[in-house]
Amino acid sequence: MRTPAAVLAALAALAAGCGNGGAASKPSGTSVRVNTEALKPSARVFADAKVAALGARSVHLTAHVSSGEGPIAVSLTLVGSSAAEGTITYKGFPFRIVRKGRVLYFRATDAFWRHQGGSRAVRLLHGRWIKAAQTTPGFRKFPQFTDMTAFLARIFRKKPRPTELGNAGVKSYRHQRVVALYGSGSESGDSFYVAAVGKPYPLAILGKTKDGQSFAVRFSDWNRPASIRPPKDALDLSKLKTSTVVRA
């Protein structure tokens, strides 16, 4: 059975490629006072952004990846390590996904099921949620981008050397005041933007992965309250005889 899990390799590459970045819009609940990040060395700005991001409880992530399999678009609300929900669009097919604890859920469109298994698949799976344990083959990489703590840790896993980032001061990005860091090392994104107002949350990272795939990641709604509940009446993937419904 081919599932939304096909997008995970590219998303994992995205997380690995964002060696020195994160992304987003104006953090909620912060002061409008301009901070002092523009006056600091780039490594200090990066460290401050890491502390702010890893100290947050929730965030909204949007990402666009140019992959060999076609463009991927992601829009997810992440709540710590416990939950996530949102949409992934892959090859023109949008998928709703939810992760609650160690259980994953996804719901595909009729167009996707028709493409995969014809009218029979549509009749069986129309509007239905499917659930699977995150240890299920094909779904094991979900925590890499649906676990906020793990995803941010991967982004900030390596402290940049002074020569890898330059501080270009306060700039404007999507109508926001940001402190712009520009990377020159192979492990750095091309551009890393940090909030110049309030806490120095990461606001955007733009660049390419090690595989040469371009990406843009943005974070918004830092610490906005979010309650994520698992879908009701989901079909258990382990009990679904997919061979009779979906082409291999």
Protein backbone atom coordinates (compact mmCIF):
# COMPACT_ATOMS: atom_id res chain seq x y z
CA MET A 1 0.00 0.00 0.00
CA ARG A 2 1.38 3.40 -0.94
CA THR A 3 0.59 5.97 1.76
CA PRO A 4 1.47 9.57 2.70
CA ALA A 5 4.58 8.06 4.25
CA ALA A 6 6.19 8.47 0.81
CA VAL A 7 6.90 12.10 1.67
CA LEU A 8 8.88 11.31 4.79
CA ALA A 9 12.27 10.81 3.18
CA ALA A 10 12.20 14.33 1.77
CA LEU A 11 11.02 15.78 5.07
CA ALA A 12 13.76 13.95 6.92
CA ALA A 13 16.26 15.42 4.45
CA LEU A 14 14.77 18.83 5.17
CA ALA A 15 15.30 18.46 8.90
CA ALA A 16 18.84 17.24 8.32
CA GLY A 17 19.56 20.03 5.86
CA CYS A 18 18.37 22.75 8.24
CA GLY A 19 21.56 22.40 10.20
CA ASN A 20 21.57 26.00 11.39
CA GLY A 21 18.04 27.27 11.17
CA GLY A 22 14.34 27.40 12.03
CA ALA A 23 11.36 29.42 10.69
CA ALA A 24 8.20 31.57 11.25
CA SER A 25 6.15 34.68 11.87
CA LYS A 26 5.66 37.03 14.80
CA PRO A 27 5.57 35.07 18.04
CA SER A 28 2.32 35.38 19.94
CA GLY A 29 2.23 36.99 23.34
CA THR A 30 5.58 38.81 23.00
CA SER A 31 6.45 42.46 23.52
CA VAL A 32 6.71 44.87 20.59
CA ARG A 33 9.99 46.21 22.01
CA VAL A 34 12.92 45.74 19.63
CA ASN A 35 15.46 43.40 21.16
CA THR A 36 19.25 43.67 21.03
CA GLU A 37 20.03 40.66 18.83
CA ALA A 38 21.25 42.80 15.93
CA LEU A 39 24.10 44.05 18.13
CA LYS A 40 25.36 40.57 19.02
CA PRO A 41 27.79 38.25 17.23
CA SER A 42 26.00 35.82 14.91
CA ALA A 43 26.87 32.79 17.06
CA ARG A 44 25.26 34.47 20.06
CA VAL A 45 22.10 35.25 18.05
CA PHE A 46 21.96 31.62 16.96
CA ALA A 47 22.36 30.46 20.56
CA ASP A 48 19.64 32.83 21.77
CA ALA A 49 17.28 31.58 19.07
CA LYS A 50 17.99 28.00 20.16
CA VAL A 51 17.15 28.76 23.79
CA ALA A 52 13.93 30.56 22.82
CA ALA A 53 12.79 27.81 20.44
CA LEU A 54 13.58 24.86 22.71
CA GLY A 55 11.84 26.64 25.60
CA ALA A 56 8.56 27.00 23.70
CA ARG A 57 5.56 24.74 24.27
CA SER A 58 4.03 24.88 20.80
CA VAL A 59 4.54 26.32 17.33
CA HIS A 60 3.07 26.28 13.84
CA LEU A 61 5.39 25.00 11.14
CA THR A 62 5.05 25.63 7.43
CA ALA A 63 7.51 24.27 4.90
CA HIS A 64 7.95 23.96 1.16
CA VAL A 65 10.44 21.48 -0.22
CA SER A 66 11.48 20.98 -3.83
CA SER A 67 12.18 17.26 -4.11
CA GLY A 68 12.87 14.81 -6.88
CA GLU A 69 9.39 13.38 -6.34
CA GLY A 70 7.78 16.80 -6.80
CA PRO A 71 7.06 19.75 -4.50
CA ILE A 72 6.02 19.08 -0.91
CA ALA A 73 4.05 21.53 1.23
CA VAL A 74 3.65 21.15 4.98
CA SER A 75 1.47 23.01 7.47
CA LEU A 76 1.58 21.56 11.00
CA THR A 77 0.82 22.64 14.53
CA LEU A 78 3.28 21.00 16.91
CA VAL A 79 2.71 20.66 20.65
CA GLY A 80 5.94 19.65 22.37
CA SER A 81 6.74 15.98 21.93
CA SER A 82 3.18 14.86 22.53
CA ALA A 83 1.08 15.83 19.52
CA ALA A 84 0.85 17.35 16.06
CA GLU A 85 -1.78 17.98 13.41
CA GLY A 86 -2.03 19.59 10.01
CA THR A 87 -1.74 18.99 6.29
CA ILE A 88 0.90 17.63 3.96
CA THR A 89 0.49 18.09 0.21
CA TYR A 90 2.48 15.72 -1.98
CA LYS A 91 2.22 15.30 -5.75
CA GLY A 92 -0.89 17.47 -5.66
CA PHE A 93 -2.63 15.28 -3.05
CA PRO A 94 -3.33 16.84 0.36
CA PHE A 95 -3.29 14.59 3.42
CA ARG A 96 -4.56 15.45 6.88
CA ILE A 97 -2.33 14.01 9.57
CA VAL A 98 -2.53 13.79 13.36
CA ARG A 99 -0.04 12.36 15.81
CA LYS A 100 -1.12 11.78 19.39
CA GLY A 101 1.53 10.15 21.52
CA ARG A 102 2.84 7.13 19.62
CA VAL A 103 -0.19 6.74 17.37
CA LEU A 104 -0.39 8.30 13.90
CA TYR A 105 -3.49 9.11 11.87
CA PHE A 106 -3.97 10.22 8.29
CA ARG A 107 -6.89 10.96 5.98
CA ALA A 108 -6.59 11.16 2.20
CA THR A 109 -8.87 12.62 -0.44
CA ASP A 110 -11.13 10.64 -2.76
CA ALA A 111 -8.85 11.68 -5.61
CA PHE A 112 -5.90 9.99 -3.94
CA TRP A 113 -7.78 6.78 -3.20
CA ARG A 114 -9.19 6.71 -6.74
CA HIS A 115 -5.66 7.13 -8.10
CA GLN A 116 -4.40 4.31 -5.87
CA GLY A 117 -7.24 1.79 -5.92
CA GLY A 118 -10.11 2.97 -8.10
CA SER A 119 -13.74 3.29 -7.08
CA ARG A 120 -13.56 0.38 -4.62
CA ALA A 121 -10.96 2.19 -2.52
CA VAL A 122 -13.07 5.37 -2.59
CA ARG A 123 -16.15 3.50 -1.38
CA LEU A 124 -14.25 1.94 1.52
CA LEU A 125 -12.06 4.86 2.56
CA HIS A 126 -14.08 7.97 1.69
CA GLY A 127 -13.65 10.46 4.52
CA ARG A 128 -12.12 7.83 6.81
CA TRP A 129 -9.16 8.28 9.11
CA ILE A 130 -6.55 5.51 9.18
CA LYS A 131 -4.36 4.94 12.23
CA ALA A 132 -1.02 3.23 12.66
CA ALA A 133 1.57 2.89 15.38
CA GLN A 134 4.60 5.07 14.67
CA THR A 135 6.69 1.88 14.61
CA THR A 136 4.76 0.70 11.53
CA PRO A 137 7.07 0.36 8.49
CA GLY A 138 6.76 3.47 6.36
CA PHE A 139 5.73 5.64 9.32
CA ARG A 140 8.80 5.47 11.53
CA LYS A 141 10.13 8.84 10.41
CA PHE A 142 6.99 10.74 11.40
CA PRO A 143 8.45 11.81 14.77
CA GLN A 144 11.31 13.54 12.96
CA PHE A 145 8.98 16.34 11.94
CA THR A 146 5.83 15.88 14.06
CA ASP A 147 7.76 15.96 17.35
CA MET A 148 8.48 19.64 18.00
CA THR A 149 11.28 18.98 20.47
CA ALA A 150 13.02 16.47 18.22
CA PHE A 151 12.62 18.58 15.09
CA LEU A 152 14.06 21.70 16.74
CA ALA A 153 16.89 19.69 18.28
CA ARG A 154 17.85 18.48 14.80
CA ILE A 155 17.81 22.01 13.47
CA PHE A 156 20.03 23.31 16.27
CA ARG A 157 22.11 20.18 16.71
CA LYS A 158 25.38 21.78 15.62
CA LYS A 159 26.77 25.09 16.82
CA PRO A 160 27.97 27.11 13.81
CA ARG A 161 31.53 28.34 13.58
CA PRO A 162 31.99 32.14 13.41
CA THR A 163 32.87 31.88 9.73
CA GLU A 164 29.64 30.04 8.89
CA LEU A 165 27.20 32.81 9.81
CA GLY A 166 27.23 36.54 9.30
CA ASN A 167 24.95 39.02 11.08
CA ALA A 168 23.46 41.45 8.55
CA GLY A 169 21.47 43.37 11.17
CA VAL A 170 17.78 44.23 11.16
CA LYS A 171 15.93 43.54 7.92
CA SER A 172 12.32 43.21 6.80
CA TYR A 173 10.94 39.77 6.04
CA ARG A 174 7.25 39.30 5.26
CA HIS A 175 6.40 42.56 7.00
CA GLN A 176 8.33 41.57 10.12
CA ARG A 177 11.49 43.00 11.63
CA VAL A 178 14.11 40.28 11.72
CA VAL A 179 17.78 39.87 12.46
CA ALA A 180 19.21 38.29 9.33
CA LEU A 181 21.95 35.71 9.54
CA TYR A 182 23.51 34.47 6.33
CA GLY A 183 25.34 31.15 6.15
CA SER A 184 28.33 30.34 4.01
CA GLY A 185 29.26 26.87 5.30
CA SER A 186 27.98 23.63 3.82
CA GLU A 187 26.02 22.92 7.01
CA SER A 188 24.28 26.30 6.99
CA GLY A 189 21.10 27.45 5.38
CA ASP A 190 21.39 30.35 2.97
CA SER A 191 19.35 32.66 5.21
CA PHE A 192 18.33 32.37 8.85
CA TYR A 193 15.97 34.98 10.27
CA VAL A 194 15.43 35.61 13.99
CA ALA A 195 12.76 37.84 15.52
CA ALA A 196 14.04 41.37 16.15
CA VAL A 197 11.02 42.07 18.38
CA GLY A 198 10.37 40.30 21.68
CA LYS A 199 11.97 36.91 22.25
CA PRO A 200 14.47 35.93 19.54
CA TYR A 201 12.44 33.06 18.13
CA PRO A 202 13.55 31.65 14.77
CA LEU A 203 11.38 33.12 12.04
CA ALA A 204 12.58 31.63 8.77
CA ILE A 205 15.26 29.56 7.16
CA LEU A 206 15.70 29.42 3.40
CA GLY A 207 18.22 27.34 1.54
CA LYS A 208 19.07 23.92 0.16
CA THR A 209 19.54 20.49 1.68
CA LYS A 210 22.70 18.46 1.19
CA ASP A 211 20.93 16.77 -1.71
CA GLY A 212 20.44 20.12 -3.43
CA GLN A 213 16.70 20.36 -2.69
CA SER A 214 15.54 23.91 -2.07
CA PHE A 215 13.41 24.56 0.98
CA ALA A 216 11.69 27.34 2.90
CA VAL A 217 10.61 26.82 6.50
CA ARG A 218 8.64 29.24 8.65
CA PHE A 219 7.54 29.10 12.27
CA SER A 220 4.64 31.09 13.69
CA ASP A 221 2.30 31.19 16.69
CA TRP A 222 4.97 30.33 19.24
CA ASN A 223 3.34 29.24 22.50
CA ARG A 224 -0.20 29.67 21.21
CA PRO A 225 -2.50 27.28 23.14
CA ALA A 226 -3.36 24.21 21.08
CA SER A 227 -5.45 21.17 21.91
CA ILE A 228 -5.06 18.17 19.62
CA ARG A 229 -7.44 15.24 19.87
CA PRO A 230 -7.19 11.94 18.00
CA PRO A 231 -9.85 11.33 15.32
CA LYS A 232 -12.72 9.05 16.27
CA ASP A 233 -13.55 5.76 14.54
CA ALA A 234 -10.21 5.52 12.72
CA LEU A 235 -9.50 2.36 10.75
CA ASP A 236 -6.56 0.37 12.10
CA LEU A 237 -4.01 -0.03 9.31
CA SER A 238 -2.82 -3.35 10.73
CA LYS A 239 -6.33 -4.78 10.30
CA LEU A 240 -7.03 -3.27 6.89
CA LYS A 241 -6.53 -5.72 4.01
CA THR A 242 -4.99 -3.17 1.72
CA SER A 243 -4.09 -5.66 -0.99
CA THR A 244 -7.77 -5.92 -1.91
CA VAL A 245 -8.22 -2.16 -2.00
CA VAL A 246 -5.02 -0.44 -3.15
CA ARG A 247 -2.60 -1.26 -5.91
CA ALA A 248 0.90 -2.17 -4.69
